Amino acid sequence: MIAGAIFDADGTLLDSMPIWDNAAALYLEGLGYVPEPGLGRILYPMSMAEGADYLIARYGLSQSREEIVCGVSAAIEDFYFHRVQPKAGLEAFLQQLQERGIPMAVATSSNRRLVEAALKRLGLLSRFKGIFTCAQAGAGKSRPDVYHLANRSLGGPKPQSVWVFEDAFFAASTAGRAGYRVAVVRDPSADGDREQLEQLADYAMEDFTDFNGFYQQALK
């Protein structure tokens, strides 16, 4: 049974994970610097401010921390507003769910404005009851609050009848522990956790091109 569907945004609906690895490199290239290999991995555990401090120290930038944060943020914003693409097969997959009367919502840890702009440009925003963020929920995806918030917009069906689509292991684990059924959508950024993801998933998907395969599993 499927009474509703909740989708993560980055790496699930949107092929957006590369920008988080490459935004700082794009910023440096715009200033005429050659970024070091693996810069995204170096900056990943840092906050934006910490990352700016690293760039200042490593590359001798004359820009202030605030200027660097704004510059990197602008590169990310430009990507969402103008360039990010949906995962393969997504539009038809959402159409199939909508035709079956299955309500949908987005649960994301990202900035609502960026996700909304991307979905609007791609013609997908109207498919969803709403976009719900971890900031709204008051907790990250180590807790299920954002999924519960999104679920209420679907009419509040029991979690056991709602599918959560995720690409990240920690988020998929949280949804599963909260009682939701979990569909894991492959993203290269999570390939290191692929075996664990497939073990915890109720359904594992390469992309959104096989609706029938998913729907048959959902009806069980």
Foldseek 3Di string as FASTA:
>chain_A
DAQAEEEEFDQAFWVQVVLLQCLLQVLQVVVVDHDDPRLSVVCVVDDLLVSLVVCCVPVVDPDDSVVSSVSSVVSSLCCLQPNIDTWPPVVVLLVVCVVVVHAYEYEYQDDQVSRCNNCVVVVRNVSHLYYFHCVNQVHDLLACSSVQVRCVSSVNDDQLNYEYEEAADSNQVNSVVSNHAYEHEHDPVRVVCVVVCVVSHLHYHPGNNCNVVVVVSSVD
